[in-house]
Amino acid sequence: MNGGGRSFDDLKPGMVTLIGVPSDENSSFMQGAAHAPARIRAALYSGASNLCAESGVDVGAEPRWRDVGDLELDHSATTVEQIECAIGTLLERGVRVLALGGDHAITYPIVRAFAARYHALNLLHLDAHPDLYDDYEGNPHSHASPFARIMEEDLVRRLVQVGIRTMNPHQRAQAERFRVEVIDMLRWQPGMRWQFDGPVYLSLDMDVLDPAFAPGVSHHEPGGLSTREIVRLIQDLDAPIVGADIVEFNPERDPLGITASAAAKVLKEISASMLVMSDPTLQAR
């Protein structure tokens, strides 16, 4: 793991750590998401903005927030195992983890690491696609399949998917099989809220946003949420976020940096929520 010159020795329980997971080997149609962590950081640390969330939390000045660099993937071993091991190592220090993908395949090993530590984990998934294929093009670890793997292994108590607008019959059957709570765009209403009993892992695919707000994704799907709606959803989430990921940003389709800026925006809001909602009474295994 490249820690950006920083040691993990000073990581303390309750801190929020940002880590890049630059993997897109399980992408279909188009690769490029592996380059996302660097582009999101460039937007995050740009002098054109600052690191303050809308709540007033200054993420950059917060001693409990730490950017630990990118995970260096060694292709001599499986990517799934490496990611799970690396995230597990961070969780052993009692920190909360915000991961920058990469494609959505990284969510499965990350959630495996979280499920080994947290009881009764809930998963809030924001996406245009349900990613519930049993396998996609013969690949059970495709970025179109992570939530099928998660639910098969009973890693979470509850999976809530928001923003879905591409569900085909196979994935609809999968959602019924796994009792997934799906709030598709047909039923979406501004101001919707969800109650969670216990810790939440948040997985945000950038294509949950309408392409007008996030053109830098591999799979454009019109009819999505606005940046303001996503920010409000994060701000209104009344539950302790113990971990999160931001995935599927493809810099190759973002020449003006619009999507990078949107990703940096939601990164700050998620970070602020993780810091403010820190709950020391959460029980870990």
C-alpha atoms as a PDB file:
ATOM      1  CA  MET A   1       0.000   0.000   0.000  1.00  0.00           C
ATOM      2  CA  ASN A   2       1.250   3.447  -0.891  1.00  0.00           C
ATOM      3  CA  GLY A   3       0.516   5.672   2.056  1.00  0.00           C
ATOM      4  CA  GLY A   4       1.546   8.859   0.310  1.00  0.00           C
ATOM      5  CA  GLY A   5       4.565   9.138   2.607  1.00  0.00           C
ATOM      6  CA  ARG A   6       2.387   8.853   5.712  1.00  0.00           C
ATOM      7  CA  SER A   7       2.663   6.221   8.395  1.00  0.00           C
ATOM      8  CA  PHE A   8      -0.381   4.328   9.618  1.00  0.00           C
ATOM      9  CA  ASP A   9       1.080   4.247  13.115  1.00  0.00           C
ATOM     10  CA  ASP A  10      -0.718   7.425  14.153  1.00  0.00           C
ATOM     11  CA  LEU A  11      -4.162   6.330  12.951  1.00  0.00           C
ATOM     12  CA  LYS A  12      -6.535   6.379  15.894  1.00  0.00           C
ATOM     13  CA  PRO A  13      -9.970   4.772  16.408  1.00  0.00           C
ATOM     14  CA  GLY A  14     -12.745   6.928  15.018  1.00  0.00           C
ATOM     15  CA  MET A  15     -10.600   8.586  12.363  1.00  0.00           C
ATOM     16  CA  VAL A  16     -11.800   8.703   8.752  1.00  0.00           C
ATOM     17  CA  THR A  17      -9.261   7.481   6.209  1.00  0.00           C
ATOM     18  CA  LEU A  18      -9.395   8.158   2.475  1.00  0.00           C
ATOM     19  CA  ILE A  19      -7.828   5.453   0.312  1.00  0.00           C
ATOM     20  CA  GLY A  20      -7.696   5.022  -3.448  1.00  0.00           C
ATOM     21  CA  VAL A  21      -8.425   1.613  -4.966  1.00  0.00           C
ATOM     22  CA  PRO A  22      -7.359   2.055  -8.615  1.00  0.00           C
ATOM     23  CA  SER A  23      -8.834  -1.089 -10.148  1.00  0.00           C
ATOM     24  CA  ASP A  24     -10.977  -1.437 -13.265  1.00  0.00           C
ATOM     25  CA  GLU A  25     -10.004  -4.913 -14.421  1.00  0.00           C
ATOM     26  CA  ASN A  26     -13.590  -6.101 -13.913  1.00  0.00           C
ATOM     27  CA  SER A  27     -15.171  -3.317 -15.958  1.00  0.00           C
ATOM     28  CA  SER A  28     -17.320  -4.146 -18.959  1.00  0.00           C
ATOM     29  CA  PHE A  29     -17.643  -2.017 -22.102  1.00  0.00           C
ATOM     30  CA  MET A  30     -14.950   0.519 -21.163  1.00  0.00           C
ATOM     31  CA  GLN A  31     -12.036   0.813 -18.756  1.00  0.00           C
ATOM     32  CA  GLY A  32     -10.618   4.009 -17.305  1.00  0.00           C
ATOM     33  CA  ALA A  33     -11.995   4.067 -13.765  1.00  0.00           C
ATOM     34  CA  ALA A  34      -8.606   2.993 -12.389  1.00  0.00           C
ATOM     35  CA  HIS A  35      -7.401   6.552 -13.057  1.00  0.00           C
ATOM     36  CA  ALA A  36     -10.192   8.089 -10.981  1.00  0.00           C
ATOM     37  CA  PRO A  37      -8.529   8.420  -7.536  1.00  0.00           C
ATOM     38  CA  ALA A  38      -5.828  10.738  -8.858  1.00  0.00           C
ATOM     39  CA  ARG A  39      -8.333  12.911 -10.746  1.00  0.00           C
ATOM     40  CA  ILE A  40     -10.694  13.158  -7.770  1.00  0.00           C
ATOM     41  CA  ARG A  41      -7.807  14.196  -5.523  1.00  0.00           C
ATOM     42  CA  ALA A  42      -6.737  16.809  -8.072  1.00  0.00           C
ATOM     43  CA  ALA A  43     -10.219  18.338  -7.895  1.00  0.00           C
ATOM     44  CA  LEU A  44     -10.385  17.958  -4.108  1.00  0.00           C
ATOM     45  CA  TYR A  45      -7.078  19.725  -3.441  1.00  0.00           C
ATOM     46  CA  SER A  46      -7.435  22.283  -6.237  1.00  0.00           C
ATOM     47  CA  GLY A  47      -7.017  25.930  -5.340  1.00  0.00           C
ATOM     48  CA  ALA A  48     -10.286  26.544  -7.191  1.00  0.00           C
ATOM     49  CA  SER A  49     -12.177  25.319  -4.125  1.00  0.00           C
ATOM     50  CA  ASN A  50     -11.595  24.348  -0.506  1.00  0.00           C
ATOM     51  CA  LEU A  51     -12.145  21.294   1.697  1.00  0.00           C
ATOM     52  CA  CYS A  52     -15.141  22.623   3.622  1.00  0.00           C
ATOM     53  CA  ALA A  53     -18.407  20.701   3.558  1.00  0.00           C
ATOM     54  CA  GLU A  54     -21.665  22.648   3.492  1.00  0.00           C
ATOM     55  CA  SER A  55     -22.164  21.980   7.203  1.00  0.00           C
ATOM     56  CA  GLY A  56     -19.028  23.989   7.923  1.00  0.00           C
ATOM     57  CA  VAL A  57     -16.821  20.991   8.684  1.00  0.00           C
ATOM     58  CA  ASP A  58     -13.370  21.757   7.273  1.00  0.00           C
ATOM     59  CA  VAL A  59     -12.255  18.305   6.220  1.00  0.00           C
ATOM     60  CA  GLY A  60      -8.734  19.478   5.393  1.00  0.00           C
ATOM     61  CA  ALA A  61      -8.221  20.967   8.857  1.00  0.00           C
ATOM     62  CA  GLU A  62      -9.826  18.054  10.689  1.00  0.00           C
ATOM     63  CA  PRO A  63      -7.182  15.998  12.553  1.00  0.00           C
ATOM     64  CA  ARG A  64      -9.461  12.961  12.487  1.00  0.00           C
ATOM     65  CA  TRP A  65      -9.427  12.855   8.649  1.00  0.00           C
ATOM     66  CA  ARG A  66      -6.470  11.326   6.831  1.00  0.00           C
ATOM     67  CA  ASP A  67      -5.638  10.663   3.171  1.00  0.00           C
ATOM     68  CA  VAL A  68      -3.493   7.516   3.196  1.00  0.00           C
ATOM     69  CA  GLY A  69      -2.840   7.357  -0.534  1.00  0.00           C
ATOM     70  CA  ASP A  70      -3.606   4.509  -2.940  1.00  0.00           C
ATOM     71  CA  LEU A  71      -3.612   0.771  -2.552  1.00  0.00           C
ATOM     72  CA  GLU A  72      -0.867  -0.718  -4.722  1.00  0.00           C
ATOM     73  CA  LEU A  73      -2.319  -3.815  -6.340  1.00  0.00           C
ATOM     74  CA  ASP A  74       0.064  -6.693  -7.011  1.00  0.00           C
ATOM     75  CA  HIS A  75      -1.377  -8.680  -9.884  1.00  0.00           C
ATOM     76  CA  SER A  76       0.454 -11.820  -8.753  1.00  0.00           C
ATOM     77  CA  ALA A  77      -2.469 -12.331  -6.354  1.00  0.00           C
ATOM     78  CA  THR A  78      -6.200 -11.838  -6.812  1.00  0.00           C
ATOM     79  CA  THR A  79      -7.417  -8.281  -6.602  1.00  0.00           C
ATOM     80  CA  VAL A  80     -10.388  -9.310  -4.445  1.00  0.00           C
ATOM     81  CA  GLU A  81      -8.138 -10.793  -1.760  1.00  0.00           C
ATOM     82  CA  GLN A  82      -5.729  -7.847  -1.795  1.00  0.00           C
ATOM     83  CA  ILE A  83      -8.490  -5.283  -1.383  1.00  0.00           C
ATOM     84  CA  GLU A  84     -10.195  -7.197   1.422  1.00  0.00           C
ATOM     85  CA  CYS A  85      -6.889  -7.646   3.261  1.00  0.00           C
ATOM     86  CA  ALA A  86      -5.883  -3.982   2.931  1.00  0.00           C
ATOM     87  CA  ILE A  87      -9.237  -2.653   4.113  1.00  0.00           C
ATOM     88  CA  GLY A  88      -9.253  -5.177   6.939  1.00  0.00           C
ATOM     89  CA  THR A  89      -5.859  -3.896   8.066  1.00  0.00           C
ATOM     90  CA  LEU A  90      -7.225  -0.356   8.293  1.00  0.00           C
ATOM     91  CA  LEU A  91     -10.352  -1.508  10.129  1.00  0.00           C
ATOM     92  CA  GLU A  92      -8.222  -3.283  12.710  1.00  0.00           C
ATOM     93  CA  ARG A  93      -7.064   0.191  13.771  1.00  0.00           C
ATOM     94  CA  GLY A  94     -10.655   1.196  14.435  1.00  0.00           C
ATOM     95  CA  VAL A  95     -10.814   3.763  11.650  1.00  0.00           C
ATOM     96  CA  ARG A  96     -13.595   4.421   9.170  1.00  0.00           C
ATOM     97  CA  VAL A  97     -12.759   4.028   5.499  1.00  0.00           C
ATOM     98  CA  LEU A  98     -13.803   6.054   2.469  1.00  0.00           C
ATOM     99  CA  ALA A  99     -12.553   4.333  -0.689  1.00  0.00           C
ATOM    100  CA  LEU A 100     -12.132   5.908  -4.116  1.00  0.00           C
ATOM    101  CA  GLY A 101     -12.591   3.464  -6.986  1.00  0.00           C
ATOM    102  CA  GLY A 102     -12.099   2.109  -9.415  1.00  0.00           C
ATOM    103  CA  ASP A 103     -15.041   0.230 -10.750  1.00  0.00           C
ATOM    104  CA  HIS A 104     -17.897  -1.131  -8.659  1.00  0.00           C
ATOM    105  CA  ALA A 105     -16.278  -4.560  -8.344  1.00  0.00           C
ATOM    106  CA  ILE A 106     -14.205  -3.172  -5.454  1.00  0.00           C
ATOM    107  CA  THR A 107     -17.287  -2.906  -3.244  1.00  0.00           C
ATOM    108  CA  TYR A 108     -17.591  -6.666  -2.722  1.00  0.00           C
ATOM    109  CA  PRO A 109     -14.167  -7.207  -1.063  1.00  0.00           C
ATOM    110  CA  ILE A 110     -14.497  -3.959   0.888  1.00  0.00           C
ATOM    111  CA  VAL A 111     -17.877  -5.003   2.301  1.00  0.00           C
ATOM    112  CA  ARG A 112     -16.436  -8.439   3.123  1.00  0.00           C
ATOM    113  CA  ALA A 113     -13.849  -6.701   5.297  1.00  0.00           C
ATOM    114  CA  PHE A 114     -16.511  -4.558   6.976  1.00  0.00           C
ATOM    115  CA  ALA A 115     -18.856  -7.502   7.555  1.00  0.00           C
ATOM    116  CA  ALA A 116     -16.071  -9.323   9.401  1.00  0.00           C
ATOM    117  CA  ARG A 117     -15.947  -6.454  11.879  1.00  0.00           C
ATOM    118  CA  TYR A 118     -19.426  -4.937  12.187  1.00  0.00           C
ATOM    119  CA  HIS A 119     -22.556  -6.694  13.337  1.00  0.00           C
ATOM    120  CA  ALA A 120     -25.813  -6.091  11.462  1.00  0.00           C
ATOM    121  CA  LEU A 121     -24.289  -3.948   8.717  1.00  0.00           C
ATOM    122  CA  ASN A 122     -26.690  -2.051   6.436  1.00  0.00           C
ATOM    123  CA  LEU A 123     -25.812  -1.164   2.852  1.00  0.00           C
ATOM    124  CA  LEU A 124     -27.129   1.930   1.064  1.00  0.00           C
ATOM    125  CA  HIS A 125     -26.367   1.712  -2.651  1.00  0.00           C
ATOM    126  CA  LEU A 126     -26.792   4.741  -4.953  1.00  0.00           C
ATOM    127  CA  ASP A 127     -26.617   3.784  -8.618  1.00  0.00           C
ATOM    128  CA  ALA A 128     -28.325   3.786 -12.012  1.00  0.00           C
ATOM    129  CA  HIS A 129     -27.754   0.009 -12.136  1.00  0.00           C
ATOM    130  CA  PRO A 130     -28.614  -2.652  -9.535  1.00  0.00           C
ATOM    131  CA  ASP A 131     -25.376  -4.618 -10.220  1.00  0.00           C
ATOM    132  CA  LEU A 132     -27.102  -7.861  -9.237  1.00  0.00           C
ATOM    133  CA  TYR A 133     -26.129 -10.074 -12.176  1.00  0.00           C
ATOM    134  CA  ASP A 134     -25.325 -13.619 -11.122  1.00  0.00           C
ATOM    135  CA  ASP A 135     -22.368 -13.089 -13.419  1.00  0.00           C
ATOM    136  CA  TYR A 136     -21.789 -10.775 -16.349  1.00  0.00           C
ATOM    137  CA  GLU A 137     -20.169 -12.065 -19.518  1.00  0.00           C
ATOM    138  CA  GLY A 138     -19.039 -15.092 -17.522  1.00  0.00           C
ATOM    139  CA  ASN A 139     -17.325 -13.048 -14.801  1.00  0.00           C
ATOM    140  CA  PRO A 140     -18.812 -13.495 -11.305  1.00  0.00           C
ATOM    141  CA  HIS A 141     -16.599 -10.647 -10.057  1.00  0.00           C
ATOM    142  CA  SER A 142     -17.749  -8.200 -12.741  1.00  0.00           C
ATOM    143  CA  HIS A 143     -18.591  -4.652 -11.733  1.00  0.00           C
ATOM    144  CA  ALA A 144     -22.143  -5.650 -12.684  1.00  0.00           C
ATOM    145  CA  SER A 145     -22.251  -8.376  -9.993  1.00  0.00           C
ATOM    146  CA  PRO A 146     -20.905  -7.152  -6.611  1.00  0.00           C
ATOM    147  CA  PHE A 147     -24.265  -7.000  -4.851  1.00  0.00           C
ATOM    148  CA  ALA A 148     -25.160 -10.534  -5.900  1.00  0.00           C
ATOM    149  CA  ARG A 149     -21.944 -11.728  -4.210  1.00  0.00           C
ATOM    150  CA  ILE A 150     -22.624  -9.604  -1.125  1.00  0.00           C
ATOM    151  CA  MET A 151     -26.161 -10.925  -0.715  1.00  0.00           C
ATOM    152  CA  GLU A 152     -25.214 -14.540  -1.448  1.00  0.00           C
ATOM    153  CA  GLU A 153     -22.755 -14.446   1.428  1.00  0.00           C
ATOM    154  CA  ASP A 154     -25.244 -12.721   3.740  1.00  0.00           C
ATOM    155  CA  LEU A 155     -22.724  -9.959   4.426  1.00  0.00           C
ATOM    156  CA  VAL A 156     -25.328  -7.301   5.191  1.00  0.00           C
ATOM    157  CA  ARG A 157     -28.596  -7.296   7.045  1.00  0.00           C
ATOM    158  CA  ARG A 158     -30.280  -4.926   4.628  1.00  0.00           C
ATOM    159  CA  LEU A 159     -29.572  -3.628   1.098  1.00  0.00           C
ATOM    160  CA  VAL A 160     -31.341  -0.448  -0.037  1.00  0.00           C
ATOM    161  CA  GLN A 161     -30.778   0.641  -3.644  1.00  0.00           C
ATOM    162  CA  VAL A 162     -31.654   4.177  -4.760  1.00  0.00           C
ATOM    163  CA  GLY A 163     -31.671   5.733  -8.237  1.00  0.00           C
ATOM    164  CA  ILE A 164     -32.084   2.503 -10.211  1.00  0.00           C
ATOM    165  CA  ARG A 165     -33.336   2.947 -13.772  1.00  0.00           C
ATOM    166  CA  THR A 166     -31.985  -0.013 -15.787  1.00  0.00           C
ATOM    167  CA  MET A 167     -33.400  -3.100 -14.067  1.00  0.00           C
ATOM    168  CA  ASN A 168     -33.976  -5.992 -16.479  1.00  0.00           C
ATOM    169  CA  PRO A 169     -35.964  -9.201 -15.703  1.00  0.00           C
ATOM    170  CA  HIS A 170     -32.920 -11.145 -14.476  1.00  0.00           C
ATOM    171  CA  GLN A 171     -31.880  -8.442 -12.034  1.00  0.00           C
ATOM    172  CA  ARG A 172     -35.481  -7.932 -10.935  1.00  0.00           C
ATOM    173  CA  ALA A 173     -35.629 -11.639 -10.080  1.00  0.00           C
ATOM    174  CA  GLN A 174     -32.321 -11.304  -8.219  1.00  0.00           C
ATOM    175  CA  ALA A 175     -33.675  -8.349  -6.235  1.00  0.00           C
ATOM    176  CA  GLU A 176     -36.721 -10.398  -5.238  1.00  0.00           C
ATOM    177  CA  ARG A 177     -34.553 -13.396  -4.372  1.00  0.00           C
ATOM    178  CA  PHE A 178     -32.337 -11.340  -2.054  1.00  0.00           C
ATOM    179  CA  ARG A 179     -35.174  -9.135  -0.725  1.00  0.00           C
ATOM    180  CA  VAL A 180     -33.471  -5.966  -1.878  1.00  0.00           C
ATOM    181  CA  GLU A 181     -35.314  -2.717  -1.179  1.00  0.00           C
ATOM    182  CA  VAL A 182     -35.274  -0.916  -4.524  1.00  0.00           C
ATOM    183  CA  ILE A 183     -36.238   2.746  -4.852  1.00  0.00           C
ATOM    184  CA  ASP A 184     -36.051   3.247  -8.597  1.00  0.00           C
ATOM    185  CA  MET A 185     -36.397   6.564 -10.366  1.00  0.00           C
ATOM    186  CA  LEU A 186     -40.059   5.855 -11.094  1.00  0.00           C
ATOM    187  CA  ARG A 187     -40.736   6.043  -7.348  1.00  0.00           C
ATOM    188  CA  TRP A 188     -38.110   8.599  -6.334  1.00  0.00           C
ATOM    189  CA  GLN A 189     -39.401  11.671  -4.528  1.00  0.00           C
ATOM    190  CA  PRO A 190     -37.200  14.543  -3.292  1.00  0.00           C
ATOM    191  CA  GLY A 191     -36.857  14.471   0.476  1.00  0.00           C
ATOM    192  CA  MET A 192     -37.076  10.684   0.790  1.00  0.00           C
ATOM    193  CA  ARG A 193     -35.372   9.358   3.918  1.00  0.00           C
ATOM    194  CA  TRP A 194     -34.525   5.905   5.243  1.00  0.00           C
ATOM    195  CA  GLN A 195     -34.242   4.694   8.804  1.00  0.00           C
ATOM    196  CA  PHE A 196     -31.429   2.284   9.579  1.00  0.00           C
ATOM    197  CA  ASP A 197     -31.026   0.364  12.798  1.00  0.00           C
ATOM    198  CA  GLY A 198     -27.263   0.037  13.058  1.00  0.00           C
ATOM    199  CA  PRO A 199     -24.161   0.994  11.076  1.00  0.00           C
ATOM    200  CA  VAL A 200     -24.360   1.890   7.381  1.00  0.00           C
ATOM    201  CA  TYR A 201     -21.971   1.323   4.510  1.00  0.00           C
ATOM    202  CA  LEU A 202     -22.617   3.766   1.647  1.00  0.00           C
ATOM    203  CA  SER A 203     -21.710   2.828  -1.937  1.00  0.00           C
ATOM    204  CA  LEU A 204     -22.051   5.665  -4.453  1.00  0.00           C
ATOM    205  CA  ASP A 205     -21.732   4.986  -8.166  1.00  0.00           C
ATOM    206  CA  MET A 206     -21.246   8.287  -9.989  1.00  0.00           C
ATOM    207  CA  ASP A 207     -23.726   7.264 -12.666  1.00  0.00           C
ATOM    208  CA  VAL A 208     -26.537   7.591 -10.127  1.00  0.00           C
ATOM    209  CA  LEU A 209     -26.263  11.205 -11.220  1.00  0.00           C
ATOM    210  CA  ASP A 210     -27.883  12.231 -14.461  1.00  0.00           C
ATOM    211  CA  PRO A 211     -25.248  12.525 -17.242  1.00  0.00           C
ATOM    212  CA  ALA A 212     -25.927  16.262 -17.299  1.00  0.00           C
ATOM    213  CA  PHE A 213     -24.279  16.438 -13.852  1.00  0.00           C
ATOM    214  CA  ALA A 214     -21.744  13.607 -14.276  1.00  0.00           C
ATOM    215  CA  PRO A 215     -20.800  12.937 -17.905  1.00  0.00           C
ATOM    216  CA  GLY A 216     -17.549  11.233 -16.879  1.00  0.00           C
ATOM    217  CA  VAL A 217     -18.879   7.707 -16.483  1.00  0.00           C
ATOM    218  CA  SER A 218     -18.621   4.683 -18.761  1.00  0.00           C
ATOM    219  CA  HIS A 219     -22.351   3.953 -18.866  1.00  0.00           C
ATOM    220  CA  HIS A 220     -24.504   7.019 -19.497  1.00  0.00           C
ATOM    221  CA  GLU A 221     -28.064   6.572 -18.269  1.00  0.00           C
ATOM    222  CA  PRO A 222     -30.327   9.641 -18.555  1.00  0.00           C
ATOM    223  CA  GLY A 223     -33.023  10.368 -15.999  1.00  0.00           C
ATOM    224  CA  GLY A 224     -30.881  10.318 -12.883  1.00  0.00           C
ATOM    225  CA  LEU A 225     -30.523  12.426  -9.764  1.00  0.00           C
ATOM    226  CA  SER A 226     -29.009  15.885  -9.576  1.00  0.00           C
ATOM    227  CA  THR A 227     -25.885  16.738  -7.613  1.00  0.00           C
ATOM    228  CA  ARG A 228     -28.039  18.716  -5.160  1.00  0.00           C
ATOM    229  CA  GLU A 229     -30.330  15.724  -4.581  1.00  0.00           C
ATOM    230  CA  ILE A 230     -27.377  13.446  -3.840  1.00  0.00           C
ATOM    231  CA  VAL A 231     -25.802  15.996  -1.487  1.00  0.00           C
ATOM    232  CA  ARG A 232     -29.110  16.413   0.339  1.00  0.00           C
ATOM    233  CA  LEU A 233     -29.558  12.638   0.612  1.00  0.00           C
ATOM    234  CA  ILE A 234     -26.127  12.322   2.231  1.00  0.00           C
ATOM    235  CA  GLN A 235     -26.774  15.245   4.578  1.00  0.00           C
ATOM    236  CA  ASP A 236     -30.158  13.866   5.636  1.00  0.00           C
ATOM    237  CA  LEU A 237     -28.917  10.347   6.350  1.00  0.00           C
ATOM    238  CA  ASP A 238     -29.562   9.930  10.053  1.00  0.00           C
ATOM    239  CA  ALA A 239     -27.357   6.917  10.674  1.00  0.00           C
ATOM    240  CA  PRO A 240     -23.681   6.294  11.489  1.00  0.00           C
ATOM    241  CA  ILE A 241     -21.716   5.806   8.262  1.00  0.00           C
ATOM    242  CA  VAL A 242     -18.843   3.472   9.120  1.00  0.00           C
ATOM    243  CA  GLY A 243     -17.572   3.125   5.569  1.00  0.00           C
ATOM    244  CA  ALA A 244     -18.189   4.284   2.021  1.00  0.00           C
ATOM    245  CA  ASP A 245     -16.960   4.151  -1.537  1.00  0.00           C
ATOM    246  CA  ILE A 246     -17.229   6.424  -4.577  1.00  0.00           C
ATOM    247  CA  VAL A 247     -16.877   4.411  -7.771  1.00  0.00           C
ATOM    248  CA  GLU A 248     -17.256   4.317 -11.568  1.00  0.00           C
ATOM    249  CA  PHE A 249     -15.888   7.777 -12.350  1.00  0.00           C
ATOM    250  CA  ASN A 250     -14.122   7.489 -15.712  1.00  0.00           C
ATOM    251  CA  PRO A 251     -11.769  10.461 -16.291  1.00  0.00           C
ATOM    252  CA  GLU A 252     -11.432   9.568 -19.966  1.00  0.00           C
ATOM    253  CA  ARG A 253     -15.002  10.827 -20.469  1.00  0.00           C
ATOM    254  CA  ASP A 254     -14.614  13.946 -18.329  1.00  0.00           C
ATOM    255  CA  PRO A 255     -12.524  16.446 -20.337  1.00  0.00           C
ATOM    256  CA  LEU A 256     -13.915  19.506 -18.518  1.00  0.00           C
ATOM    257  CA  GLY A 257     -13.565  18.019 -15.024  1.00  0.00           C
ATOM    258  CA  ILE A 258     -17.294  18.289 -14.246  1.00  0.00           C
ATOM    259  CA  THR A 259     -17.563  14.768 -12.853  1.00  0.00           C
ATOM    260  CA  ALA A 260     -14.296  15.041 -10.922  1.00  0.00           C
ATOM    261  CA  SER A 261     -15.668  18.139  -9.196  1.00  0.00           C
ATOM    262  CA  ALA A 262     -18.940  16.362  -8.411  1.00  0.00           C
ATOM    263  CA  ALA A 263     -17.016  13.405  -6.964  1.00  0.00           C
ATOM    264  CA  ALA A 264     -14.905  15.739  -4.816  1.00  0.00           C
ATOM    265  CA  LYS A 265     -18.091  17.460  -3.645  1.00  0.00           C
ATOM    266  CA  VAL A 266     -19.761  14.249  -2.480  1.00  0.00           C
ATOM    267  CA  LEU A 267     -16.448  13.096  -0.972  1.00  0.00           C
ATOM    268  CA  LYS A 268     -16.425  16.164   1.296  1.00  0.00           C
ATOM    269  CA  GLU A 269     -20.057  15.679   2.284  1.00  0.00           C
ATOM    270  CA  ILE A 270     -19.596  11.971   3.030  1.00  0.00           C
ATOM    271  CA  SER A 271     -16.426  12.709   5.011  1.00  0.00           C
ATOM    272  CA  ALA A 272     -18.197  15.371   7.054  1.00  0.00           C
ATOM    273  CA  SER A 273     -21.105  13.023   7.790  1.00  0.00           C
ATOM    274  CA  MET A 274     -18.722  10.264   8.852  1.00  0.00           C
ATOM    275  CA  LEU A 275     -16.933  12.643  11.195  1.00  0.00           C
ATOM    276  CA  VAL A 276     -20.045  14.280  12.681  1.00  0.00           C
ATOM    277  CA  MET A 277     -21.967  11.023  13.081  1.00  0.00           C
ATOM    278  CA  SER A 278     -19.050   9.199  14.694  1.00  0.00           C
ATOM    279  CA  ASP A 279     -20.554   6.930  17.335  1.00  0.00           C
ATOM    280  CA  PRO A 280     -18.110   5.391  19.835  1.00  0.00           C
ATOM    281  CA  THR A 281     -20.812   3.041  21.127  1.00  0.00           C
ATOM    282  CA  LEU A 282     -20.901   1.062  17.858  1.00  0.00           C
ATOM    283  CA  GLN A 283     -20.112  -2.543  18.604  1.00  0.00           C
ATOM    284  CA  ALA A 284     -17.353  -4.152  16.539  1.00  0.00           C
ATOM    285  CA  ARG A 285     -16.520  -7.799  16.414  1.00  0.00           C
END
